[in-house]
């Protein structure tokens, strides 16, 4: 067997998750759907249940709720990419974010969440956790070591998102995770922007890495999927919460996600190439006040990005001048031919939407309207031509 520790990430993407092939000679493992698992005897059935209930995830499953070979092929591949202990696939990225919080808190506890967090995660913490007597404090995403002052005796979890998916602040993950561990809190990061190819949070000391695999891992805008990967100390509580809530993704979506991993390195390279071409054009437009993208040398998070990340992807934000009117931006967007108007990102198609980030702790500096681009896989010159026509409409309004 090949020593995978010596393989490059791009090679791992094409080889992981194929150990379970049935020997028929097909390159891809088969898609397995199922609920009922038949056992050789009652003793065999009881032994499987007993050992898996005790935390033995290497034991064959006793019921489809705990995964089929299609689930485990994808989850095992993800675990290797994340350098984690165990992974699981869930019905959506939001489900992954919420279960990664619920697994570690109870009534009377306190969690810390960045002010730049994905808005559905914000709403869950603000509304749902509050109903169950769990308090959330939002903190400035670039707070650094000063976050220590916000920990309480009841703080059980530190949530991070790096970079944020609207305002793109990069967080000091090793520092924040170290502070959380010193206070006995679990650290969780939403790692969707970077993917496991460009950032391995667990290697930096974070306890749990979360992805909306709907985005770059899936890559084709045809599935909803979330993932969680934990280190060994954090896994038992997460595993228990997942099973208690009965959370499992479709085996079809896991099969699609495993297929998506195969081309992810090539896709991400093209996403970034197109993003950089678009950014270069946008920065020359007088209406553009700032581009939000950590790979830019002038970005406030650039030094942390260079230290911790292996690359950059195709999602970035644009801040327009204060003189630009919201209505002018809407006219610009509505007339675009190649950029789709739709939520999500990370698919093969380019998207452009206006953004209005919600902030409660660290207000955004005065600025004009904002929009976000997910650079797809089209020809960059065609995308720039579409933007050029869009800016002509913006100027005319």
Protein backbone atom coordinates (compact mmCIF):
# COMPACT_ATOMS: atom_id res chain seq x y z
CA UNK A 1 0.00 0.00 0.00
CA UNK A 2 1.22 3.52 -0.83
CA UNK A 3 2.56 5.57 2.10
CA UNK A 4 0.08 8.45 1.94
CA UNK A 5 2.15 10.59 4.31
CA UNK A 6 4.57 11.12 1.42
CA UNK A 7 1.95 12.15 -1.13
CA UNK A 8 1.12 15.72 -2.10
CA UNK A 9 -2.43 17.01 -1.40
CA UNK A 10 -3.30 17.08 -5.11
CA UNK A 11 -2.44 13.37 -5.34
CA UNK A 12 -4.44 12.59 -2.20
CA UNK A 13 -7.52 14.19 -3.75
CA UNK A 14 -7.48 11.65 -6.57
CA UNK A 15 -6.65 8.57 -4.49
CA UNK A 16 -8.44 8.89 -1.14
CA UNK A 17 -11.77 7.16 -0.57
CA UNK A 18 -11.11 4.39 -3.08
CA UNK A 19 -10.07 1.63 -0.66
CA UNK A 20 -13.64 0.39 -0.39
CA UNK A 21 -13.98 -0.44 -4.09
CA UNK A 22 -15.60 -3.83 -4.63
CA UNK A 23 -12.83 -5.22 -6.80
CA UNK A 24 -14.83 -4.97 -10.01
CA UNK A 25 -12.17 -2.81 -11.60
CA UNK A 26 -14.15 0.42 -11.72
CA UNK A 27 -12.19 3.54 -10.74
CA UNK A 28 -14.98 4.99 -8.57
CA UNK A 29 -16.39 3.13 -5.58
CA UNK A 30 -20.04 2.17 -6.03
CA UNK A 31 -22.89 4.25 -4.66
CA UNK A 32 -24.50 2.37 -1.77
CA UNK A 33 -27.95 3.33 -0.48
CA UNK A 34 -29.55 1.49 2.38
CA UNK A 35 -31.28 1.49 5.74
CA UNK A 36 -31.46 -2.13 6.95
CA UNK A 37 -28.24 -4.08 7.48
CA UNK A 38 -28.51 -7.86 7.74
CA UNK A 39 -26.35 -9.75 10.26
CA UNK A 40 -25.04 -13.29 10.31
CA UNK A 41 -26.51 -13.92 13.76
CA UNK A 42 -28.06 -12.19 16.75
CA UNK A 43 -24.68 -12.29 18.49
CA UNK A 44 -23.10 -10.52 15.51
CA UNK A 45 -25.87 -7.90 15.55
CA UNK A 46 -25.51 -7.28 19.28
CA UNK A 47 -21.72 -7.10 19.05
CA UNK A 48 -21.83 -4.48 16.29
CA UNK A 49 -24.29 -2.36 18.26
CA UNK A 50 -22.31 -2.72 21.48
CA UNK A 51 -18.94 -1.81 19.97
CA UNK A 52 -20.21 1.13 17.95
CA UNK A 53 -22.14 2.44 20.95
CA UNK A 54 -18.83 2.33 22.80
CA UNK A 55 -17.22 4.55 20.19
CA UNK A 56 -15.63 1.97 17.89
CA UNK A 57 -16.18 3.66 14.51
CA UNK A 58 -14.08 1.03 12.74
CA UNK A 59 -16.80 -1.56 13.37
CA UNK A 60 -19.21 -2.23 10.45
CA UNK A 61 -22.47 -0.36 10.87
CA UNK A 62 -25.59 -2.03 12.23
CA UNK A 63 -28.08 0.37 10.63
CA UNK A 64 -28.06 2.81 7.72
CA UNK A 65 -28.44 5.84 10.00
CA UNK A 66 -24.76 5.39 10.87
CA UNK A 67 -23.60 5.43 7.28
CA UNK A 68 -23.10 3.27 4.23
CA UNK A 69 -19.82 2.57 2.43
CA UNK A 70 -20.51 5.70 0.35
CA UNK A 71 -20.62 7.85 3.49
CA UNK A 72 -17.50 6.32 4.97
CA UNK A 73 -15.48 6.56 1.75
CA UNK A 74 -16.08 10.32 1.63
CA UNK A 75 -15.65 10.89 5.37
CA UNK A 76 -12.42 8.89 5.48
CA UNK A 77 -11.04 10.91 2.58
CA UNK A 78 -11.97 14.17 4.29
CA UNK A 79 -10.39 13.06 7.57
CA UNK A 80 -7.10 12.40 5.81
CA UNK A 81 -7.20 15.77 4.02
CA UNK A 82 -7.97 17.59 7.29
CA UNK A 83 -5.37 15.59 9.26
CA UNK A 84 -8.12 14.86 11.78
CA UNK A 85 -9.37 11.94 13.84
CA UNK A 86 -12.88 11.44 12.46
CA UNK A 87 -15.31 13.23 10.11
CA UNK A 88 -19.02 13.13 9.40
CA UNK A 89 -21.28 14.43 6.63
CA UNK A 90 -24.48 16.33 7.37
CA UNK A 91 -27.41 17.65 5.30
CA UNK A 92 -26.05 21.22 4.96
CA UNK A 93 -23.26 23.57 5.93
CA UNK A 94 -25.56 25.22 8.47
CA UNK A 95 -26.28 21.82 10.04
CA UNK A 96 -22.53 21.32 10.37
CA UNK A 97 -22.06 24.72 12.04
CA UNK A 98 -24.94 24.24 14.47
CA UNK A 99 -24.12 20.67 15.55
CA UNK A 100 -20.49 21.70 16.09
CA UNK A 101 -21.81 24.18 18.64
CA UNK A 102 -24.60 22.11 20.20
CA UNK A 103 -22.27 19.20 20.87
CA UNK A 104 -20.33 21.14 23.50
CA UNK A 105 -22.80 23.43 25.27
CA UNK A 106 -25.69 23.18 27.70
CA UNK A 107 -27.98 25.53 29.60
CA UNK A 108 -26.05 28.27 31.39
CA UNK A 109 -23.02 28.10 29.10
CA UNK A 110 -21.48 30.92 27.09
CA UNK A 111 -20.05 30.91 23.53
CA UNK A 112 -17.89 33.40 21.66
CA UNK A 113 -18.60 34.06 17.98
CA UNK A 114 -16.88 36.48 15.53
CA UNK A 115 -18.84 39.51 14.37
CA UNK A 116 -18.02 38.47 10.78
CA UNK A 117 -19.74 35.08 11.08
CA UNK A 118 -21.99 33.57 8.39
CA UNK A 119 -25.39 35.17 9.02
CA UNK A 120 -27.42 31.93 9.51
CA UNK A 121 -24.89 30.88 12.18
CA UNK A 122 -25.34 34.29 13.80
CA UNK A 123 -29.11 33.87 13.86
CA UNK A 124 -28.83 30.39 15.34
CA UNK A 125 -26.62 31.64 18.17
CA UNK A 126 -28.65 34.77 18.78
CA UNK A 127 -32.12 33.18 18.64
CA UNK A 128 -32.01 29.40 19.07
CA UNK A 129 -29.22 29.13 21.64
CA UNK A 130 -30.83 31.92 23.64
CA UNK A 131 -34.07 29.91 23.87
CA UNK A 132 -32.14 27.16 25.60
CA UNK A 133 -30.38 29.43 28.07
CA UNK A 134 -27.03 29.61 26.26
CA UNK A 135 -25.56 33.08 25.90
CA UNK A 136 -23.58 34.30 22.88
CA UNK A 137 -21.10 37.16 22.80
CA UNK A 138 -19.89 38.47 19.45
CA UNK A 139 -16.27 39.62 19.21
CA UNK A 140 -14.26 41.66 16.71
CA UNK A 141 -12.80 39.11 14.28
CA UNK A 142 -9.27 40.59 14.40
CA UNK A 143 -9.25 40.85 18.20
CA UNK A 144 -6.20 38.64 18.67
CA UNK A 145 -4.88 38.14 22.20
CA UNK A 146 -7.39 40.59 23.67
CA UNK A 147 -10.08 37.96 23.33
CA UNK A 148 -8.82 36.51 26.60
CA UNK A 149 -10.73 39.25 28.42
CA UNK A 150 -14.01 37.97 26.97
CA UNK A 151 -13.73 34.47 28.36
CA UNK A 152 -15.88 33.68 31.37
CA UNK A 153 -15.94 30.72 33.74
CA UNK A 154 -18.96 29.51 31.72
CA UNK A 155 -17.37 29.93 28.26
CA UNK A 156 -17.43 26.51 26.63
CA UNK A 157 -16.84 27.23 22.96
CA UNK A 158 -14.96 29.64 20.72
CA UNK A 159 -16.30 29.79 17.16
CA UNK A 160 -14.20 31.21 14.33
CA UNK A 161 -14.61 31.81 10.60
CA UNK A 162 -11.46 32.58 8.65
CA UNK A 163 -11.79 34.41 6.42
CA UNK A 164 -15.32 35.68 6.90
CA UNK A 165 -17.47 35.04 3.83
CA UNK A 166 -18.64 38.67 3.45
CA UNK A 167 -15.92 40.88 4.90
CA UNK A 168 -12.97 38.43 4.64
CA UNK A 169 -11.16 39.07 7.91
CA UNK A 170 -8.46 36.48 8.60
CA UNK A 171 -8.27 35.27 12.19
CA UNK A 172 -5.18 34.18 14.11
CA UNK A 173 -6.30 30.57 14.49
CA UNK A 174 -3.28 29.17 16.42
CA UNK A 175 -3.42 32.00 18.96
CA UNK A 176 -7.18 31.88 19.44
CA UNK A 177 -7.25 28.09 19.70
CA UNK A 178 -4.48 28.17 22.30
CA UNK A 179 -6.35 30.72 24.40
CA UNK A 180 -9.56 28.68 24.15
CA UNK A 181 -7.76 25.51 25.29
CA UNK A 182 -6.23 27.38 28.22
CA UNK A 183 -9.75 28.28 29.34
CA UNK A 184 -11.09 24.76 28.86
CA UNK A 185 -13.18 25.74 25.81
CA UNK A 186 -13.52 23.90 22.50
CA UNK A 187 -12.44 25.78 19.37
CA UNK A 188 -14.40 25.44 16.11
CA UNK A 189 -13.68 27.08 12.75
CA UNK A 190 -15.73 27.40 9.58
CA UNK A 191 -13.08 26.54 6.98
CA UNK A 192 -15.29 26.65 3.88
CA UNK A 193 -13.43 29.43 2.02
CA UNK A 194 -10.04 27.74 2.08
CA UNK A 195 -11.09 24.06 1.83
CA UNK A 196 -8.84 21.39 3.41
CA UNK A 197 -6.52 21.83 0.44
CA UNK A 198 -5.46 25.33 1.48
CA UNK A 199 -5.89 25.28 5.26
CA UNK A 200 -5.67 22.54 7.90
CA UNK A 201 -7.02 24.15 11.09
CA UNK A 202 -6.53 21.05 13.26
CA UNK A 203 -2.80 21.17 12.53
CA UNK A 204 -2.87 24.74 13.90
CA UNK A 205 -4.45 23.63 17.18
CA UNK A 206 -8.17 24.02 16.41
CA UNK A 207 -10.43 21.24 17.73
CA UNK A 208 -13.13 21.08 15.03
CA UNK A 209 -13.13 22.10 11.36
CA UNK A 210 -16.47 22.74 9.62
CA UNK A 211 -17.25 22.98 5.90
CA UNK A 212 -20.20 23.82 3.76
CA UNK A 213 -19.25 21.11 1.28
CA UNK A 214 -22.02 22.57 -0.87
CA UNK A 215 -19.37 25.03 -2.01
CA UNK A 216 -15.91 24.13 -3.35
CA UNK A 217 -15.89 20.49 -2.29
CA UNK A 218 -19.06 19.75 -4.26
CA UNK A 219 -18.10 22.30 -6.87
CA UNK A 220 -21.05 21.89 -9.22
CA UNK A 221 -23.98 23.65 -7.49
CA UNK A 222 -25.96 20.43 -7.34
CA UNK A 223 -25.80 19.31 -3.71
CA UNK A 224 -26.34 20.55 -0.16
CA UNK A 225 -23.79 19.10 2.25
CA UNK A 226 -21.95 19.97 5.44
CA UNK A 227 -19.01 18.29 7.13
CA UNK A 228 -17.37 18.25 10.54
CA UNK A 229 -13.88 16.94 11.31
CA UNK A 230 -12.58 16.74 14.88
CA UNK A 231 -9.38 15.88 16.68
CA UNK A 232 -9.43 12.88 19.00
CA UNK A 233 -10.38 14.67 22.27
CA UNK A 234 -13.24 16.59 20.63
CA UNK A 235 -14.70 13.69 18.62
CA UNK A 236 -16.67 11.73 21.28
CA UNK A 237 -19.00 14.62 22.20
CA UNK A 238 -19.47 15.55 18.55
CA UNK A 239 -20.17 11.95 17.57
CA UNK A 240 -22.70 11.58 20.36
CA UNK A 241 -24.56 14.76 19.37
CA UNK A 242 -24.67 13.74 15.71
CA UNK A 243 -26.18 10.36 16.57
CA UNK A 244 -28.59 11.78 19.15
CA UNK A 245 -29.98 14.21 16.57
CA UNK A 246 -30.03 11.55 13.85
CA UNK A 247 -28.04 13.71 11.44
CA UNK A 248 -26.81 12.10 8.26
CA UNK A 249 -26.38 13.26 4.68
CA UNK A 250 -27.68 11.40 1.68
CA UNK A 251 -25.28 8.73 0.34
CA UNK A 252 -25.91 10.20 -3.11
CA UNK A 253 -24.57 13.58 -1.94
CA UNK A 254 -21.54 11.94 -0.30
CA UNK A 255 -20.82 10.15 -3.58
CA UNK A 256 -21.07 13.47 -5.45
CA UNK A 257 -18.81 15.17 -2.88
CA UNK A 258 -16.21 12.42 -3.23
CA UNK A 259 -16.35 12.95 -6.99
CA UNK A 260 -15.96 16.69 -6.40
CA UNK A 261 -12.75 16.14 -4.45
CA UNK A 262 -11.11 14.59 -7.51
CA UNK A 263 -11.11 17.85 -9.47
CA UNK A 264 -10.94 20.32 -6.59
CA UNK A 265 -7.25 21.22 -6.95
CA UNK A 266 -7.65 22.02 -10.64
CA UNK A 267 -10.87 23.94 -10.06
CA UNK A 268 -9.45 26.01 -7.21
CA UNK A 269 -6.45 27.02 -9.31
CA UNK A 270 -8.79 28.30 -12.04
CA UNK A 271 -11.09 30.00 -9.52
CA UNK A 272 -8.13 31.92 -8.11
CA UNK A 273 -6.72 32.75 -11.54
CA UNK A 274 -10.05 34.23 -12.59
CA UNK A 275 -10.49 36.04 -9.28
CA UNK A 276 -7.11 37.71 -9.63
CA UNK A 277 -7.88 38.80 -13.19
CA UNK A 278 -11.20 40.30 -12.08
CA UNK A 279 -9.61 41.97 -9.06
CA UNK A 280 -6.91 43.51 -11.25
CA UNK A 281 -9.58 45.06 -13.48
CA UNK A 282 -11.80 46.18 -10.61
CA UNK A 283 -8.98 47.94 -8.77
CA UNK A 284 -8.51 50.21 -11.77
CA UNK A 285 -12.09 51.44 -11.65
CA UNK A 286 -12.50 54.83 -9.90
CA UNK A 287 -15.77 53.68 -8.27
CA UNK A 288 -13.99 50.85 -6.39
CA UNK A 289 -12.77 51.94 -2.96
CA UNK A 290 -11.37 48.59 -1.83
CA UNK A 291 -11.24 44.89 -2.69
CA UNK A 292 -11.57 42.43 0.19
CA UNK A 293 -9.26 39.47 -0.51
CA UNK A 294 -6.60 38.15 1.91
CA UNK A 295 -4.18 37.23 -0.87
CA UNK A 296 -3.70 40.94 -1.69
CA UNK A 297 -0.54 42.37 -0.14
CA UNK A 298 -2.39 45.40 1.25
CA UNK A 299 -5.14 43.33 2.89
CA UNK A 300 -5.06 43.61 6.72
CA UNK A 301 -5.09 39.81 7.00
CA UNK A 302 -2.40 39.16 4.42
CA UNK A 303 0.40 38.30 6.86
CA UNK A 304 -1.75 35.72 8.64
CA UNK A 305 -2.91 34.35 5.29
CA UNK A 306 0.69 33.89 4.14
CA UNK A 307 1.64 32.21 7.41
CA UNK A 308 -1.25 29.73 7.71
CA UNK A 309 -2.77 29.17 4.25
CA UNK A 310 -1.47 27.26 1.25
CA UNK A 311 -3.50 29.19 -1.30
CA UNK A 312 -6.49 31.40 -2.04
CA UNK A 313 -9.79 30.63 -3.67
CA UNK A 314 -12.20 32.57 -5.89
CA UNK A 315 -14.49 34.40 -3.44
CA UNK A 316 -13.89 38.08 -2.67
CA UNK A 317 -15.69 41.29 -1.76
CA UNK A 318 -15.76 44.76 -3.30
CA UNK A 319 -16.43 48.04 -1.50
CA UNK A 320 -17.58 50.89 -3.71
CA UNK A 321 -17.07 54.61 -3.16
CA UNK A 322 -19.53 56.39 -0.88
CA UNK A 323 -20.76 58.43 -3.84
CA UNK A 324 -22.16 55.31 -5.57
CA UNK A 325 -25.88 54.87 -5.05
CA UNK A 326 -27.45 51.54 -4.06
CA UNK A 327 -29.88 51.83 -6.97
CA UNK A 328 -27.00 52.23 -9.43
CA UNK A 329 -25.44 49.00 -8.11
CA UNK A 330 -28.76 47.17 -8.55
CA UNK A 331 -29.04 48.35 -12.16
CA UNK A 332 -25.49 47.20 -12.78
CA UNK A 333 -26.14 43.73 -11.34
CA UNK A 334 -29.53 43.18 -12.98
CA UNK A 335 -28.05 43.63 -16.43
CA UNK A 336 -25.15 41.18 -16.06
CA UNK A 337 -25.20 38.32 -18.56
CA UNK A 338 -22.55 35.92 -17.22
CA UNK A 339 -22.60 36.61 -13.50
CA UNK A 340 -25.56 34.89 -11.89
CA UNK A 341 -27.61 36.50 -9.16
CA UNK A 342 -27.84 33.78 -6.55
CA UNK A 343 -26.75 32.75 -3.08
CA UNK A 344 -24.00 30.22 -2.39
CA UNK A 345 -20.62 30.16 -4.13
CA UNK A 346 -17.84 27.78 -5.10
CA UNK A 347 -19.61 26.31 -8.13
CA UNK A 348 -18.41 26.36 -11.73
CA UNK A 349 -20.55 29.45 -12.51
CA UNK A 350 -19.67 33.01 -11.55
CA UNK A 351 -22.01 34.81 -9.14
CA UNK A 352 -22.34 38.43 -8.05
CA UNK A 353 -24.65 39.68 -5.31
CA UNK A 354 -24.92 42.88 -3.22
CA UNK A 355 -23.97 42.41 0.44
CA UNK A 356 -25.01 44.17 3.62
CA UNK A 357 -22.97 42.62 6.44
CA UNK A 358 -24.63 42.61 9.85
CA UNK A 359 -22.31 43.84 12.61
CA UNK A 360 -23.07 44.35 16.28
CA UNK A 361 -19.64 44.81 17.89
CA UNK A 362 -17.29 46.33 15.36
CA UNK A 363 -19.20 48.55 12.90
CA UNK A 364 -17.89 48.63 9.37
CA UNK A 365 -16.10 51.87 8.47
CA UNK A 366 -18.12 54.35 6.43
CA UNK A 367 -18.21 53.13 2.87
CA UNK A 368 -20.38 52.83 -0.16
CA UNK A 369 -22.35 49.82 -1.35
CA UNK A 370 -20.70 46.40 -1.26
CA UNK A 371 -20.91 43.34 -3.47
CA UNK A 372 -19.39 39.87 -3.50
CA UNK A 373 -18.06 37.90 -6.45
CA UNK A 374 -17.63 34.16 -6.69
CA UNK A 375 -15.31 33.78 -9.67
CA UNK A 376 -16.30 30.72 -11.65
CA UNK A 377 -14.56 28.79 -14.42
CA UNK A 378 -15.55 30.90 -17.43
CA UNK A 379 -13.05 32.77 -19.59
CA UNK A 380 -11.78 35.76 -17.60
CA UNK A 381 -11.91 38.13 -20.59
CA UNK A 382 -15.60 37.35 -21.07
CA UNK A 383 -16.27 38.01 -17.39
CA UNK A 384 -14.39 41.32 -17.54
CA UNK A 385 -16.39 42.37 -20.59
CA UNK A 386 -19.59 41.67 -18.64
CA UNK A 387 -18.31 43.75 -15.71
CA UNK A 388 -17.27 46.57 -18.04
CA UNK A 389 -20.79 46.83 -19.41
CA UNK A 390 -22.11 46.66 -15.85
CA UNK A 391 -19.95 49.56 -14.71
CA UNK A 392 -21.15 51.57 -17.69
CA UNK A 393 -24.69 51.10 -16.39
CA UNK A 394 -23.57 51.98 -12.86
CA UNK A 395 -22.05 55.25 -14.09
CA UNK A 396 -25.17 56.12 -16.04
CA UNK A 397 -27.30 55.89 -12.90
